[in-house]
Every structure is written in C-alpha cells, then in structure tokens.
C-alpha cells in the first residue's frame, strides 16, 4: 500500500532557504522557532508530513498550521503571535512599573 500524500507542498526561494538554514545555525534562536524552521526545510525537500512530524516531534495538525502560515506570511509567519495577557508587573530593567510603590 502506497503512503498517503498531501497536495500541500512548500516551495522555497533561494533566499528563504538560506535564511532558514542560517536560523538553524544560530545558538540564541528560540527552540520553537528552530523546530518550525527545520520542519519547513524538510517539507520543502519533499519529505512526507508524517516523517517530518516524527523527526521534529510535532503533530500533523500543527505542521499543517505552520505550513499555511508560512505560505501566507513567509518567514514572518513562523514567529509566535502576540498573546493577550496581564501586563508585566516589573519592567525588564529591574525597576518597578510606573505608579507602584517600591518595597
């Protein structure tokens, strides 16, 4: 029985491929972004969605989501979206947020 194939394919330009490969070589890149970059490269090389999912430890539905985002937004689509939430209590510089009493 032949393996299932998908009609969705990922095509990369030379510049996109080089950028994804350089992202994988960075030591300070977020782990999730590196995993998504590796998945897109493997999919562009013609590997099946199932095989890529096993290689990068990602479910098929998530791979399809990132493939769609990459097709729609390019490399910017691989970044995490902003999430709503409570604003930070303390600033990143270590100073208290404005309007708060210091301890």
Protein backbone atom coordinates (compact mmCIF):
# COMPACT_ATOMS: atom_id res chain seq x y z
CA UNK A 1 0.00 0.00 0.00
CA UNK A 2 1.43 3.37 -1.00
CA UNK A 3 1.93 6.04 1.69
CA UNK A 4 -0.60 8.82 1.84
CA UNK A 5 0.48 12.01 0.14
CA UNK A 6 -0.70 15.55 0.60
CA UNK A 7 -1.48 18.09 -2.06
CA UNK A 8 0.05 20.83 0.03
CA UNK A 9 3.66 21.49 -0.81
CA UNK A 10 6.17 24.02 0.40
CA UNK A 11 8.29 25.83 -2.15
CA UNK A 12 11.24 27.93 -1.05
CA UNK A 13 13.15 30.63 -2.83
CA UNK A 14 16.92 30.55 -2.54
CA UNK A 15 16.82 33.49 -0.12
CA UNK A 16 14.21 31.80 2.08
CA UNK A 17 16.20 28.57 2.17
CA UNK A 18 19.37 30.42 3.12
CA UNK A 19 17.57 32.34 5.87
CA UNK A 20 16.01 29.18 7.31
CA UNK A 21 19.38 27.43 7.29
CA UNK A 22 21.05 30.39 8.98
CA UNK A 23 18.29 30.38 11.60
CA UNK A 24 19.13 26.77 12.44
CA UNK A 25 22.80 27.66 12.96
CA UNK A 26 22.01 30.39 15.49
CA UNK A 27 22.63 29.48 19.10
CA UNK A 28 20.21 32.05 20.55
CA UNK A 29 17.16 31.17 18.47
CA UNK A 30 14.04 30.11 20.38
CA UNK A 31 13.55 26.33 20.33
CA UNK A 32 10.06 26.52 18.86
CA UNK A 33 11.16 28.75 16.01
CA UNK A 34 14.11 26.44 15.26
CA UNK A 35 11.76 23.44 15.19
CA UNK A 36 9.41 25.20 12.76
CA UNK A 37 12.30 26.26 10.51
CA UNK A 38 13.61 22.69 10.42
CA UNK A 39 10.14 21.37 9.61
CA UNK A 40 9.67 23.80 6.71
CA UNK A 41 13.08 22.87 5.29
CA UNK A 42 12.29 19.15 5.48
CA UNK A 43 8.87 19.65 3.89
CA UNK A 44 10.43 21.70 1.09
CA UNK A 45 12.91 18.86 0.48
CA UNK A 46 9.96 16.57 -0.26
CA UNK A 47 9.65 14.60 2.98
CA UNK A 48 6.18 13.49 3.98
CA UNK A 49 4.24 15.29 6.67
CA UNK A 50 4.25 12.18 8.85
CA UNK A 51 8.00 11.71 8.55
CA UNK A 52 8.67 15.36 9.33
CA UNK A 53 6.32 15.16 12.31
CA UNK A 54 8.28 12.25 13.72
CA UNK A 55 11.62 13.98 13.07
CA UNK A 56 10.75 17.30 14.72
CA UNK A 57 8.31 15.85 17.30
CA UNK A 58 5.31 17.80 16.05
CA UNK A 59 1.78 16.65 15.33
CA UNK A 60 0.48 16.67 11.78
CA UNK A 61 -2.17 19.29 12.53
CA UNK A 62 0.49 21.66 13.83
CA UNK A 63 2.64 21.06 10.77
CA UNK A 64 -0.28 21.96 8.53
CA UNK A 65 -0.88 25.11 10.59
CA UNK A 66 2.74 26.25 10.21
CA UNK A 67 2.77 25.34 6.51
CA UNK A 68 -0.29 27.53 5.97
CA UNK A 69 1.22 30.40 7.95
CA UNK A 70 4.49 30.13 6.03
CA UNK A 71 2.63 30.16 2.71
CA UNK A 72 0.56 33.18 3.76
CA UNK A 73 3.22 35.29 5.52
CA UNK A 74 6.60 33.86 4.54
CA UNK A 75 9.32 33.75 7.19
CA UNK A 76 7.39 36.17 9.41
CA UNK A 77 4.63 33.56 9.66
CA UNK A 78 6.90 31.21 11.62
CA UNK A 79 7.10 33.56 14.60
CA UNK A 80 4.75 33.20 17.53
CA UNK A 81 1.79 35.56 17.52
CA UNK A 82 1.36 38.09 20.29
CA UNK A 83 -0.72 36.71 23.11
CA UNK A 84 -3.09 38.61 25.32
CA UNK A 85 -2.45 38.64 29.00
CA UNK A 86 -1.79 40.64 32.07
CA UNK A 87 0.77 43.40 31.59
CA UNK A 88 4.10 42.82 33.36
CA UNK A 89 4.29 43.93 36.97
CA UNK A 90 8.00 44.71 36.83
CA UNK A 91 9.90 46.21 33.96
CA UNK A 92 12.65 44.20 32.25
CA UNK A 93 15.28 46.65 33.56
CA UNK A 94 14.53 45.72 37.16
CA UNK A 95 12.80 48.95 38.06
CA UNK A 96 9.28 48.93 39.38
CA UNK A 97 6.49 49.58 36.94
CA UNK A 98 5.24 53.13 36.87
CA UNK A 99 2.83 54.02 39.66
CA UNK A 100 3.92 51.24 42.00
CA UNK A 101 5.47 51.69 45.41
CA UNK A 102 8.87 50.18 45.90
CA UNK A 103 9.42 47.70 48.67
